[in-house]
């Protein structure tokens, strides 16, 4: 049984999802230092270019090679600018299940890029890799991530109480330090049959979610 994802690129109407490259280091570090990314992820802060380079050249490739998942840079088709990241992790090859995560750069939010990239990844995982389940976990107050889950057809399965550590500015001061806060996680699932009609709905919003992979 295959237990490693292929070195893949996925194309949609507006995006290219591809392996990370050395040239992505600066843009990736900038994205990971964004306030929203800091609040909802466990990425080190400040996130340096050395952190980005280590993740791109060592951590991300090892995830794929060792069978735990795959991380893809999400880029604009026309400009090749880094839009964000979509990642599969904690993959269970026997159950044919993986957890999906996504991050979008602040300048690219509000364009539907997260939904487009997540849906294309799900379609590839179900159609090409014959997986049967995708799981998403979103912090209780992370409404943007929850909207993406809903747009691509995910079903809410329940709440993991106190299961995540988010971050917030100390005392609400935008220039203050970060403090950890415990929060709940909402668990979402996506099965192959949940995708029926989702692509058409997103196409009505002005883009086609999936076109090709290689």
N, C-alpha and C. Protein backbone atom coordinates (compact mmCIF):
# COMPACT_ATOMS: atom_id res chain seq x y z
N UNK A 1 0.82 -1.19 0.00
CA UNK A 1 0.00 0.00 0.00
C UNK A 1 0.87 1.25 0.00
N UNK A 2 0.56 2.21 -0.89
CA UNK A 2 1.30 3.47 -0.94
C UNK A 2 1.02 4.28 0.32
N UNK A 3 2.09 4.80 0.93
CA UNK A 3 1.93 5.59 2.14
C UNK A 3 2.68 6.92 2.03
N UNK A 4 2.83 7.42 0.82
CA UNK A 4 3.47 8.71 0.60
C UNK A 4 2.74 9.44 -0.52
N UNK A 5 2.43 10.70 -0.31
CA UNK A 5 1.80 11.48 -1.36
C UNK A 5 2.81 11.81 -2.45
N UNK A 6 2.39 11.86 -3.71
CA UNK A 6 3.30 12.22 -4.80
C UNK A 6 3.69 13.69 -4.72
N UNK A 7 4.78 14.04 -5.37
CA UNK A 7 5.22 15.43 -5.46
C UNK A 7 4.34 16.11 -6.51
N UNK A 8 3.30 16.80 -6.06
CA UNK A 8 2.19 17.16 -6.91
C UNK A 8 2.07 18.67 -7.09
N UNK A 9 1.51 19.07 -8.23
CA UNK A 9 1.03 20.43 -8.43
C UNK A 9 -0.43 20.35 -8.87
N UNK A 10 -1.24 21.28 -8.36
CA UNK A 10 -2.66 21.32 -8.67
C UNK A 10 -3.00 22.70 -9.21
N UNK A 11 -3.71 22.74 -10.32
CA UNK A 11 -4.09 24.03 -10.92
C UNK A 11 -5.59 24.23 -10.85
N UNK A 12 -6.02 25.44 -10.49
CA UNK A 12 -7.41 25.86 -10.59
C UNK A 12 -7.45 27.02 -11.58
N UNK A 13 -8.62 27.61 -11.73
CA UNK A 13 -8.74 28.72 -12.67
C UNK A 13 -7.86 29.90 -12.28
N UNK A 14 -7.71 30.13 -10.96
CA UNK A 14 -6.96 31.31 -10.51
C UNK A 14 -5.67 30.99 -9.79
N UNK A 15 -5.48 29.73 -9.39
CA UNK A 15 -4.39 29.39 -8.49
C UNK A 15 -3.56 28.23 -9.00
N UNK A 16 -2.32 28.17 -8.51
CA UNK A 16 -1.46 27.00 -8.67
C UNK A 16 -1.00 26.59 -7.28
N UNK A 17 -1.27 25.33 -6.93
CA UNK A 17 -0.81 24.75 -5.67
C UNK A 17 0.39 23.87 -6.00
N UNK A 18 1.53 24.19 -5.44
CA UNK A 18 2.78 23.52 -5.82
C UNK A 18 3.67 23.34 -4.60
N UNK A 19 4.73 22.52 -4.73
CA UNK A 19 5.69 22.41 -3.62
C UNK A 19 6.36 23.76 -3.35
N UNK A 20 6.72 23.98 -2.10
CA UNK A 20 7.42 25.21 -1.75
C UNK A 20 8.82 25.22 -2.35
N UNK A 21 9.32 26.44 -2.62
CA UNK A 21 10.63 26.65 -3.20
C UNK A 21 11.43 27.62 -2.34
N UNK A 22 12.75 27.63 -2.52
CA UNK A 22 13.59 28.56 -1.77
C UNK A 22 13.16 30.01 -1.98
N UNK A 23 12.67 30.32 -3.16
CA UNK A 23 12.26 31.69 -3.47
C UNK A 23 11.05 32.14 -2.66
N UNK A 24 10.37 31.21 -1.98
CA UNK A 24 9.18 31.55 -1.20
C UNK A 24 9.51 32.00 0.22
N UNK A 25 10.77 31.92 0.62
CA UNK A 25 11.15 32.14 2.02
C UNK A 25 10.67 33.49 2.53
N UNK A 26 10.98 34.57 1.83
CA UNK A 26 10.66 35.91 2.31
C UNK A 26 9.14 36.11 2.42
N UNK A 27 8.40 35.74 1.39
CA UNK A 27 6.95 35.93 1.40
C UNK A 27 6.29 35.05 2.45
N UNK A 28 6.82 33.84 2.63
CA UNK A 28 6.25 32.94 3.63
C UNK A 28 6.46 33.48 5.04
N UNK A 29 7.67 33.99 5.32
CA UNK A 29 7.94 34.56 6.64
C UNK A 29 7.04 35.76 6.90
N UNK A 30 6.86 36.61 5.90
CA UNK A 30 5.98 37.77 6.06
C UNK A 30 4.55 37.34 6.37
N UNK A 31 4.06 36.34 5.67
CA UNK A 31 2.70 35.86 5.89
C UNK A 31 2.54 35.29 7.30
N UNK A 32 3.53 34.55 7.77
CA UNK A 32 3.42 33.89 9.07
C UNK A 32 3.55 34.87 10.24
N UNK A 33 3.97 36.10 9.97
CA UNK A 33 4.04 37.13 11.00
C UNK A 33 2.78 37.97 11.09
N UNK A 34 1.80 37.69 10.25
CA UNK A 34 0.55 38.43 10.26
C UNK A 34 -0.19 38.18 11.58
N UNK A 35 -0.91 39.20 12.04
CA UNK A 35 -1.61 39.12 13.32
C UNK A 35 -2.60 37.95 13.39
N UNK A 36 -3.37 37.74 12.33
CA UNK A 36 -4.36 36.67 12.33
C UNK A 36 -3.69 35.29 12.36
N UNK A 37 -2.59 35.16 11.64
CA UNK A 37 -1.86 33.89 11.63
C UNK A 37 -1.29 33.62 13.02
N UNK A 38 -0.73 34.65 13.63
CA UNK A 38 -0.18 34.50 14.98
C UNK A 38 -1.27 34.07 15.96
N UNK A 39 -2.45 34.69 15.84
CA UNK A 39 -3.53 34.43 16.79
C UNK A 39 -4.02 32.99 16.75
N UNK A 40 -4.09 32.38 15.54
CA UNK A 40 -4.78 31.10 15.40
C UNK A 40 -3.86 29.92 15.12
N UNK A 41 -2.55 30.14 14.99
CA UNK A 41 -1.63 29.02 14.76
C UNK A 41 -0.63 28.93 15.90
N UNK A 42 0.16 27.89 15.86
CA UNK A 42 1.21 27.70 16.87
C UNK A 42 2.59 28.06 16.32
N UNK A 43 2.63 28.78 15.21
CA UNK A 43 3.91 29.17 14.61
C UNK A 43 4.70 30.05 15.57
N UNK A 44 6.03 29.88 15.62
CA UNK A 44 6.83 30.72 16.52
C UNK A 44 6.72 32.19 16.15
N UNK A 45 6.80 33.05 17.16
CA UNK A 45 6.73 34.49 16.93
C UNK A 45 7.86 35.20 17.68
N UNK A 46 8.55 36.14 17.02
CA UNK A 46 8.38 36.46 15.60
C UNK A 46 8.84 35.32 14.71
N UNK A 47 8.29 35.24 13.52
CA UNK A 47 8.62 34.18 12.57
C UNK A 47 9.69 34.71 11.63
N UNK A 48 10.91 34.21 11.78
CA UNK A 48 12.05 34.74 11.03
C UNK A 48 12.20 34.06 9.67
N UNK A 49 13.02 34.63 8.83
CA UNK A 49 13.31 33.99 7.54
C UNK A 49 14.06 32.68 7.75
N UNK A 50 14.83 32.57 8.83
CA UNK A 50 15.48 31.29 9.14
C UNK A 50 14.43 30.24 9.48
N UNK A 51 13.38 30.63 10.21
CA UNK A 51 12.28 29.70 10.49
C UNK A 51 11.63 29.25 9.19
N UNK A 52 11.37 30.21 8.30
CA UNK A 52 10.72 29.89 7.03
C UNK A 52 11.59 28.97 6.19
N UNK A 53 12.87 29.26 6.14
CA UNK A 53 13.79 28.45 5.32
C UNK A 53 13.87 27.02 5.85
N UNK A 54 13.92 26.87 7.18
CA UNK A 54 13.98 25.53 7.77
C UNK A 54 12.70 24.76 7.47
N UNK A 55 11.55 25.45 7.56
CA UNK A 55 10.29 24.77 7.29
C UNK A 55 10.19 24.36 5.82
N UNK A 56 10.60 25.25 4.92
CA UNK A 56 10.48 24.98 3.49
C UNK A 56 11.45 23.91 3.02
N UNK A 57 12.67 23.93 3.53
CA UNK A 57 13.71 23.01 3.03
C UNK A 57 13.80 21.70 3.80
N UNK A 58 13.32 21.68 5.05
CA UNK A 58 13.48 20.47 5.86
C UNK A 58 12.14 19.90 6.35
N UNK A 59 11.36 20.71 7.04
CA UNK A 59 10.15 20.21 7.71
C UNK A 59 9.08 19.78 6.69
N UNK A 60 8.74 20.66 5.76
CA UNK A 60 7.69 20.34 4.80
C UNK A 60 8.03 19.14 3.92
N UNK A 61 9.24 19.07 3.35
CA UNK A 61 9.56 17.87 2.56
C UNK A 61 9.51 16.58 3.38
N UNK A 62 9.94 16.65 4.65
CA UNK A 62 9.92 15.45 5.50
C UNK A 62 8.50 14.98 5.77
N UNK A 63 7.54 15.92 5.87
CA UNK A 63 6.15 15.54 6.07
C UNK A 63 5.67 14.63 4.94
N UNK A 64 6.02 15.00 3.72
CA UNK A 64 5.59 14.20 2.56
C UNK A 64 6.37 12.89 2.47
N UNK A 65 7.69 12.98 2.55
CA UNK A 65 8.54 11.80 2.37
C UNK A 65 8.25 10.73 3.42
N UNK A 66 7.98 11.16 4.65
CA UNK A 66 7.73 10.23 5.75
C UNK A 66 6.26 9.84 5.89
N UNK A 67 5.42 10.32 4.95
CA UNK A 67 4.05 9.85 4.87
C UNK A 67 3.05 10.50 5.79
N UNK A 68 3.44 11.58 6.45
CA UNK A 68 2.52 12.23 7.39
C UNK A 68 1.53 13.17 6.70
N UNK A 69 1.89 13.67 5.52
CA UNK A 69 1.01 14.59 4.82
C UNK A 69 1.70 15.27 3.66
N UNK A 70 1.24 16.47 3.33
CA UNK A 70 1.86 17.23 2.25
C UNK A 70 1.50 18.70 2.46
N UNK A 71 2.44 19.58 2.16
CA UNK A 71 2.22 21.02 2.25
C UNK A 71 2.44 21.64 0.88
N UNK A 72 1.51 22.46 0.44
CA UNK A 72 1.58 23.08 -0.88
C UNK A 72 1.51 24.59 -0.77
N UNK A 73 2.39 25.26 -1.49
CA UNK A 73 2.30 26.70 -1.62
C UNK A 73 1.15 27.05 -2.55
N UNK A 74 0.32 27.98 -2.14
CA UNK A 74 -0.80 28.43 -2.97
C UNK A 74 -0.39 29.75 -3.62
N UNK A 75 -0.34 29.79 -4.94
CA UNK A 75 0.12 30.98 -5.64
C UNK A 75 -0.92 31.43 -6.67
N UNK A 76 -0.93 32.72 -6.96
CA UNK A 76 -1.79 33.24 -8.01
C UNK A 76 -1.27 32.79 -9.37
N UNK A 77 -2.17 32.33 -10.22
CA UNK A 77 -1.78 31.85 -11.54
C UNK A 77 -1.14 32.96 -12.37
N UNK A 78 -1.71 34.16 -12.35
CA UNK A 78 -1.23 35.24 -13.20
C UNK A 78 0.04 35.89 -12.68
N UNK A 79 0.12 36.13 -11.36
CA UNK A 79 1.25 36.88 -10.81
C UNK A 79 2.31 35.99 -10.18
N UNK A 80 1.98 34.74 -9.88
CA UNK A 80 2.83 33.79 -9.18
C UNK A 80 3.14 34.23 -7.75
N UNK A 81 2.38 35.18 -7.24
CA UNK A 81 2.57 35.67 -5.89
C UNK A 81 2.04 34.65 -4.89
N UNK A 82 2.73 34.51 -3.74
CA UNK A 82 2.32 33.54 -2.73
C UNK A 82 1.05 34.01 -2.04
N UNK A 83 -0.02 33.26 -2.22
CA UNK A 83 -1.32 33.55 -1.61
C UNK A 83 -1.42 32.96 -0.21
N UNK A 84 -0.86 31.76 -0.03
CA UNK A 84 -0.99 31.10 1.26
C UNK A 84 -0.45 29.69 1.21
N UNK A 85 -0.99 28.86 2.07
CA UNK A 85 -0.57 27.46 2.17
C UNK A 85 -1.79 26.60 2.42
N UNK A 86 -1.80 25.42 1.83
CA UNK A 86 -2.78 24.40 2.17
C UNK A 86 -1.99 23.15 2.54
N UNK A 87 -2.40 22.50 3.61
CA UNK A 87 -1.61 21.40 4.16
C UNK A 87 -2.50 20.24 4.58
N UNK A 88 -2.05 19.03 4.26
CA UNK A 88 -2.64 17.81 4.80
C UNK A 88 -1.68 17.24 5.82
N UNK A 89 -2.18 16.86 6.97
CA UNK A 89 -1.29 16.34 8.01
C UNK A 89 -2.01 15.27 8.83
N UNK A 90 -1.24 14.60 9.71
CA UNK A 90 -1.78 13.52 10.55
C UNK A 90 -2.53 12.51 9.70
N UNK A 91 -1.93 12.13 8.58
CA UNK A 91 -2.59 11.24 7.63
C UNK A 91 -2.61 9.80 8.14
N UNK A 92 -3.76 9.17 8.03
CA UNK A 92 -3.94 7.77 8.39
C UNK A 92 -4.19 7.00 7.10
N UNK A 93 -3.20 6.26 6.65
CA UNK A 93 -3.27 5.58 5.35
C UNK A 93 -4.19 4.38 5.38
N UNK A 94 -4.37 3.76 6.53
CA UNK A 94 -5.29 2.63 6.62
C UNK A 94 -6.73 3.12 6.55
N UNK A 95 -7.04 4.18 7.29
CA UNK A 95 -8.39 4.73 7.32
C UNK A 95 -8.64 5.58 6.07
N UNK A 96 -7.55 5.99 5.38
CA UNK A 96 -7.64 6.87 4.21
C UNK A 96 -8.25 8.22 4.64
N UNK A 97 -7.62 8.81 5.65
CA UNK A 97 -8.10 10.06 6.22
C UNK A 97 -6.93 11.00 6.47
N UNK A 98 -7.19 12.30 6.37
CA UNK A 98 -6.14 13.28 6.63
C UNK A 98 -6.78 14.57 7.14
N UNK A 99 -6.01 15.36 7.88
CA UNK A 99 -6.50 16.64 8.39
C UNK A 99 -6.04 17.77 7.48
N UNK A 100 -6.95 18.67 7.15
CA UNK A 100 -6.68 19.78 6.24
C UNK A 100 -6.54 21.08 7.02
N UNK A 101 -5.50 21.85 6.69
CA UNK A 101 -5.29 23.18 7.26
C UNK A 101 -5.01 24.17 6.15
N UNK A 102 -5.27 25.44 6.39
CA UNK A 102 -4.99 26.45 5.37
C UNK A 102 -4.70 27.79 6.05
N UNK A 103 -3.83 28.55 5.41
CA UNK A 103 -3.51 29.90 5.84
C UNK A 103 -3.48 30.78 4.59
N UNK A 104 -4.02 31.98 4.69
CA UNK A 104 -4.03 32.91 3.56
C UNK A 104 -3.34 34.21 3.99
N UNK A 105 -2.51 34.75 3.11
CA UNK A 105 -1.82 36.01 3.37
C UNK A 105 -2.84 37.14 3.53
N UNK A 106 -2.56 38.13 4.36
CA UNK A 106 -3.54 39.19 4.61
C UNK A 106 -3.99 39.95 3.37
N UNK A 107 -3.10 40.15 2.42
CA UNK A 107 -3.45 40.91 1.22
C UNK A 107 -4.41 40.14 0.31
N UNK A 108 -4.48 38.80 0.49
CA UNK A 108 -5.28 37.96 -0.41
C UNK A 108 -6.62 37.55 0.18
N UNK A 109 -6.93 38.00 1.38
CA UNK A 109 -8.18 37.58 2.01
C UNK A 109 -9.38 38.26 1.36
N UNK A 110 -10.52 37.58 1.44
CA UNK A 110 -11.74 38.12 0.88
C UNK A 110 -11.95 37.81 -0.58
N UNK A 111 -11.04 37.04 -1.18
CA UNK A 111 -11.12 36.71 -2.60
C UNK A 111 -11.61 35.28 -2.84
N UNK A 112 -11.85 34.53 -1.79
CA UNK A 112 -12.26 33.14 -1.94
C UNK A 112 -11.13 32.18 -2.23
N UNK A 113 -9.89 32.64 -2.04
CA UNK A 113 -8.73 31.79 -2.35
C UNK A 113 -8.65 30.57 -1.44
N UNK A 114 -8.95 30.75 -0.15
CA UNK A 114 -8.87 29.61 0.78
C UNK A 114 -9.85 28.51 0.38
N UNK A 115 -11.07 28.89 0.05
CA UNK A 115 -12.08 27.91 -0.37
C UNK A 115 -11.66 27.22 -1.66
N UNK A 116 -11.15 27.99 -2.59
CA UNK A 116 -10.75 27.43 -3.88
C UNK A 116 -9.61 26.44 -3.72
N UNK A 117 -8.60 26.80 -2.91
CA UNK A 117 -7.46 25.91 -2.70
C UNK A 117 -7.86 24.68 -1.91
N UNK A 118 -8.68 24.87 -0.87
CA UNK A 118 -9.09 23.73 -0.05
C UNK A 118 -9.95 22.75 -0.84
N UNK A 119 -10.85 23.27 -1.66
CA UNK A 119 -11.71 22.40 -2.46
C UNK A 119 -10.91 21.63 -3.51
N UNK A 120 -9.97 22.30 -4.16
CA UNK A 120 -9.13 21.62 -5.15
C UNK A 120 -8.31 20.51 -4.50
N UNK A 121 -7.80 20.77 -3.30
CA UNK A 121 -7.04 19.75 -2.57
C UNK A 121 -7.93 18.57 -2.22
N UNK A 122 -9.14 18.85 -1.76
CA UNK A 122 -10.08 17.78 -1.40
C UNK A 122 -10.44 16.95 -2.62
N UNK A 123 -10.71 17.60 -3.75
CA UNK A 123 -11.05 16.87 -4.96
C UNK A 123 -9.91 15.97 -5.41
N UNK A 124 -8.70 16.48 -5.33
CA UNK A 124 -7.53 15.66 -5.68
C UNK A 124 -7.37 14.49 -4.72
N UNK A 125 -7.54 14.75 -3.43
CA UNK A 125 -7.35 13.70 -2.42
C UNK A 125 -8.38 12.59 -2.59
N UNK A 126 -9.62 12.96 -2.85
CA UNK A 126 -10.67 11.95 -3.02
C UNK A 126 -10.58 11.24 -4.37
N UNK A 127 -10.35 11.99 -5.43
CA UNK A 127 -10.39 11.41 -6.78
C UNK A 127 -9.11 10.68 -7.15
N UNK A 128 -7.98 11.30 -6.90
CA UNK A 128 -6.71 10.73 -7.34
C UNK A 128 -6.10 9.79 -6.31
N UNK A 129 -6.24 10.13 -5.04
CA UNK A 129 -5.61 9.35 -3.97
C UNK A 129 -6.56 8.37 -3.29
N UNK A 130 -7.83 8.43 -3.68
CA UNK A 130 -8.85 7.50 -3.18
C UNK A 130 -9.01 7.57 -1.65
N UNK A 131 -8.87 8.77 -1.10
CA UNK A 131 -9.13 8.93 0.33
C UNK A 131 -10.63 9.01 0.58
N UNK A 132 -11.03 8.76 1.84
CA UNK A 132 -12.45 8.65 2.17
C UNK A 132 -12.91 9.69 3.20
N UNK A 133 -11.97 10.42 3.79
CA UNK A 133 -12.37 11.39 4.83
C UNK A 133 -11.30 12.48 4.97
N UNK A 134 -11.77 13.71 5.10
CA UNK A 134 -10.93 14.84 5.46
C UNK A 134 -11.49 15.43 6.73
N UNK A 135 -10.61 15.79 7.64
CA UNK A 135 -11.02 16.41 8.90
C UNK A 135 -10.42 17.80 9.00
N UNK A 136 -11.20 18.75 9.51
CA UNK A 136 -10.73 20.10 9.78
C UNK A 136 -11.03 20.41 11.24
N UNK A 137 -10.17 21.19 11.86
CA UNK A 137 -10.38 21.63 13.22
C UNK A 137 -10.17 23.14 13.26
N UNK A 138 -11.20 23.88 13.67
CA UNK A 138 -11.12 25.32 13.69
C UNK A 138 -11.38 25.83 15.10
N UNK A 139 -10.59 26.81 15.52
CA UNK A 139 -10.80 27.41 16.84
C UNK A 139 -12.20 28.04 16.90
N UNK A 140 -12.80 28.01 18.07
CA UNK A 140 -14.20 28.40 18.23
C UNK A 140 -14.47 29.82 17.75
N UNK A 141 -13.52 30.73 17.88
CA UNK A 141 -13.73 32.12 17.48
C UNK A 141 -13.15 32.45 16.11
N UNK A 142 -12.59 31.46 15.43
CA UNK A 142 -11.99 31.70 14.11
C UNK A 142 -13.07 31.55 13.04
N UNK A 143 -13.89 32.59 12.92
CA UNK A 143 -15.04 32.51 12.02
C UNK A 143 -14.63 32.41 10.56
N UNK A 144 -13.50 33.01 10.19
CA UNK A 144 -13.06 32.95 8.79
C UNK A 144 -12.77 31.51 8.39
N UNK A 145 -12.07 30.76 9.24
CA UNK A 145 -11.76 29.37 8.94
C UNK A 145 -13.04 28.53 8.89
N UNK A 146 -14.00 28.85 9.75
CA UNK A 146 -15.26 28.12 9.76
C UNK A 146 -16.06 28.37 8.48
N UNK A 147 -16.01 29.58 7.98
CA UNK A 147 -16.72 29.90 6.74
C UNK A 147 -16.15 29.11 5.57
N UNK A 148 -14.83 28.95 5.54
CA UNK A 148 -14.20 28.15 4.49
C UNK A 148 -14.69 26.71 4.57
N UNK A 149 -14.70 26.14 5.77
CA UNK A 149 -15.17 24.76 5.96
C UNK A 149 -16.60 24.60 5.44
N UNK A 150 -17.47 25.55 5.76
CA UNK A 150 -18.85 25.47 5.32
C UNK A 150 -18.97 25.60 3.80
N UNK A 151 -18.18 26.48 3.19
CA UNK A 151 -18.26 26.71 1.76
C UNK A 151 -17.88 25.47 0.94
N UNK A 152 -16.95 24.67 1.47
CA UNK A 152 -16.52 23.50 0.69
C UNK A 152 -17.32 22.25 1.05
N UNK A 153 -18.37 22.41 1.86
CA UNK A 153 -19.27 21.30 2.12
C UNK A 153 -19.04 20.52 3.38
N UNK A 154 -18.17 21.01 4.27
CA UNK A 154 -17.87 20.26 5.50
C UNK A 154 -19.08 20.21 6.44
N UNK A 155 -19.14 19.15 7.21
CA UNK A 155 -20.18 18.96 8.21
C UNK A 155 -19.56 19.09 9.60
N UNK A 156 -20.18 19.90 10.44
CA UNK A 156 -19.70 20.05 11.81
C UNK A 156 -20.07 18.80 12.62
N UNK A 157 -19.08 18.23 13.29
CA UNK A 157 -19.31 16.98 14.02
C UNK A 157 -19.35 17.16 15.54
N UNK A 158 -18.83 18.27 16.03
CA UNK A 158 -18.84 18.47 17.48
C UNK A 158 -17.74 19.41 17.93
N UNK A 159 -17.59 19.50 19.23
CA UNK A 159 -16.65 20.43 19.83
C UNK A 159 -15.68 19.67 20.75
N UNK A 160 -14.39 19.97 20.59
CA UNK A 160 -13.37 19.49 21.52
C UNK A 160 -13.13 20.62 22.52
N UNK A 161 -13.54 20.42 23.75
CA UNK A 161 -13.50 21.49 24.73
C UNK A 161 -12.08 21.75 25.21
N UNK A 162 -11.68 23.03 25.19
CA UNK A 162 -10.38 23.42 25.70
C UNK A 162 -9.22 22.73 25.03
N UNK A 163 -9.35 22.43 23.74
CA UNK A 163 -8.37 21.57 23.06
C UNK A 163 -7.28 22.34 22.31
N UNK A 164 -7.32 23.69 22.35
CA UNK A 164 -6.36 24.45 21.56
C UNK A 164 -5.89 25.66 22.34
N UNK A 165 -4.66 26.10 22.05
CA UNK A 165 -4.13 27.32 22.63
C UNK A 165 -4.02 28.37 21.53
N UNK A 166 -4.89 29.38 21.61
CA UNK A 166 -4.81 30.52 20.70
C UNK A 166 -3.98 31.61 21.37
N UNK A 167 -3.78 32.72 20.65
CA UNK A 167 -3.01 33.82 21.22
C UNK A 167 -3.77 35.13 21.03
N UNK A 168 -3.62 36.03 21.99
CA UNK A 168 -4.23 37.34 21.89
C UNK A 168 -3.27 38.38 22.44
N UNK A 169 -3.46 39.62 22.02
CA UNK A 169 -2.60 40.69 22.52
C UNK A 169 -2.87 40.93 24.01
N UNK A 170 -1.81 41.11 24.78
CA UNK A 170 -1.91 41.32 26.22
C UNK A 170 -2.70 42.60 26.50
N UNK A 171 -3.83 42.45 27.16
CA UNK A 171 -4.65 43.60 27.49
C UNK A 171 -5.32 44.26 26.31
N UNK A 172 -5.33 43.58 25.16
CA UNK A 172 -5.94 44.16 23.97
C UNK A 172 -5.09 45.22 23.30
N UNK A 173 -3.91 45.49 23.82
CA UNK A 173 -3.03 46.50 23.24
C UNK A 173 -2.44 45.97 21.94
N UNK A 174 -2.70 46.64 20.79
CA UNK A 174 -2.17 46.14 19.51
C UNK A 174 -0.66 46.14 19.43
N UNK A 175 -0.01 46.84 20.35
CA UNK A 175 1.45 46.87 20.37
C UNK A 175 2.02 46.08 21.55
N UNK A 176 1.13 45.44 22.30
CA UNK A 176 1.57 44.66 23.44
C UNK A 176 2.04 43.27 23.03
N UNK A 177 2.52 42.52 24.01
CA UNK A 177 2.96 41.17 23.74
C UNK A 177 1.80 40.20 23.60
N UNK A 178 2.10 38.98 23.16
CA UNK A 178 1.08 37.96 22.99
C UNK A 178 0.96 37.12 24.24
N UNK A 179 -0.26 36.72 24.56
CA UNK A 179 -0.50 35.80 25.67
C UNK A 179 -1.33 34.63 25.14
N UNK A 180 -1.14 33.47 25.76
CA UNK A 180 -1.86 32.26 25.37
C UNK A 180 -3.24 32.24 26.02
N UNK A 181 -4.24 31.79 25.25
CA UNK A 181 -5.60 31.62 25.78
C UNK A 181 -6.13 30.27 25.31
N UNK A 182 -6.71 29.53 26.22
CA UNK A 182 -7.26 28.22 25.87
C UNK A 182 -8.62 28.40 25.21
N UNK A 183 -8.87 27.60 24.17
CA UNK A 183 -10.13 27.71 23.45
C UNK A 183 -10.60 26.34 22.98
N UNK A 184 -11.86 26.27 22.60
CA UNK A 184 -12.43 25.03 22.05
C UNK A 184 -12.06 24.90 20.57
N UNK A 185 -12.14 23.68 20.09
CA UNK A 185 -11.98 23.39 18.66
C UNK A 185 -13.28 22.80 18.12
N UNK A 186 -13.72 23.32 16.99
CA UNK A 186 -14.85 22.72 16.28
C UNK A 186 -14.30 21.71 15.28
N UNK A 187 -14.82 20.50 15.30
CA UNK A 187 -14.37 19.44 14.40
C UNK A 187 -15.32 19.36 13.22
N UNK A 188 -14.76 19.40 12.02
CA UNK A 188 -15.52 19.29 10.78
C UNK A 188 -15.03 18.08 10.00
N UNK A 189 -15.92 17.49 9.22
CA UNK A 189 -15.51 16.39 8.35
C UNK A 189 -16.01 16.64 6.93
N UNK A 190 -15.30 16.06 6.00
CA UNK A 190 -15.69 16.12 4.58
C UNK A 190 -15.50 14.73 3.99
N UNK A 191 -16.57 14.18 3.42
CA UNK A 191 -16.53 12.90 2.74
C UNK A 191 -16.73 13.12 1.25
N UNK A 192 -16.36 12.17 0.42
CA UNK A 192 -16.49 12.37 -1.03
C UNK A 192 -17.89 12.81 -1.45
N UNK A 193 -18.93 12.21 -0.87
CA UNK A 193 -20.29 12.56 -1.28
C UNK A 193 -20.68 13.98 -0.89
N UNK A 194 -19.96 14.58 0.08
CA UNK A 194 -20.27 15.94 0.50
C UNK A 194 -19.89 16.97 -0.57
N UNK A 195 -19.05 16.58 -1.53
CA UNK A 195 -18.59 17.51 -2.56
C UNK A 195 -19.59 17.68 -3.70
N UNK A 196 -20.62 16.86 -3.73
CA UNK A 196 -21.57 16.95 -4.83
C UNK A 196 -22.23 18.33 -4.87
N UNK A 197 -22.05 19.01 -5.97
CA UNK A 197 -22.65 20.32 -6.15
C UNK A 197 -21.86 21.48 -5.59
N UNK A 198 -20.83 21.20 -4.78
CA UNK A 198 -20.07 22.30 -4.17
C UNK A 198 -19.31 23.10 -5.21
N UNK A 199 -18.68 22.39 -6.16
CA UNK A 199 -17.93 23.09 -7.20
C UNK A 199 -18.81 24.03 -8.00
N UNK A 200 -20.03 23.59 -8.31
CA UNK A 200 -20.95 24.44 -9.07
C UNK A 200 -21.35 25.67 -8.27
N UNK A 201 -21.55 25.50 -6.96
CA UNK A 201 -21.92 26.64 -6.13
C UNK A 201 -20.81 27.68 -6.09
N UNK A 202 -19.56 27.21 -5.96
CA UNK A 202 -18.45 28.15 -5.94
C UNK A 202 -18.23 28.78 -7.30
N UNK A 203 -18.52 28.03 -8.36
CA UNK A 203 -18.39 28.59 -9.70
C UNK A 203 -19.35 29.76 -9.89
N UNK A 204 -20.50 29.69 -9.25
CA UNK A 204 -21.46 30.79 -9.32
C UNK A 204 -20.91 32.06 -8.67
N UNK A 205 -19.88 31.88 -7.83
CA UNK A 205 -19.25 33.03 -7.18
C UNK A 205 -18.19 33.67 -8.07
N UNK A 206 -17.92 33.07 -9.22
CA UNK A 206 -17.03 33.71 -10.16
C UNK A 206 -15.76 32.96 -10.49
N UNK A 207 -15.61 31.72 -10.01
CA UNK A 207 -14.42 30.97 -10.37
C UNK A 207 -14.72 29.49 -10.42
N UNK A 208 -13.87 28.77 -11.14
CA UNK A 208 -13.95 27.32 -11.20
C UNK A 208 -12.93 26.74 -10.23
N UNK A 209 -13.36 25.85 -9.35
CA UNK A 209 -12.51 25.41 -8.26
C UNK A 209 -11.41 24.45 -8.68
N UNK A 210 -11.62 23.72 -9.75
CA UNK A 210 -10.63 22.69 -10.07
C UNK A 210 -10.52 22.49 -11.57
N UNK A 211 -9.29 22.33 -12.05
CA UNK A 211 -9.14 22.07 -13.47
C UNK A 211 -8.16 20.95 -13.78
N UNK A 212 -7.03 20.91 -13.11
CA UNK A 212 -6.02 19.94 -13.52
C UNK A 212 -5.02 19.70 -12.40
N UNK A 213 -4.41 18.53 -12.40
CA UNK A 213 -3.25 18.25 -11.55
C UNK A 213 -2.25 17.44 -12.34
N UNK A 214 -1.01 17.47 -11.87
CA UNK A 214 0.05 16.70 -12.56
C UNK A 214 1.13 16.30 -11.57
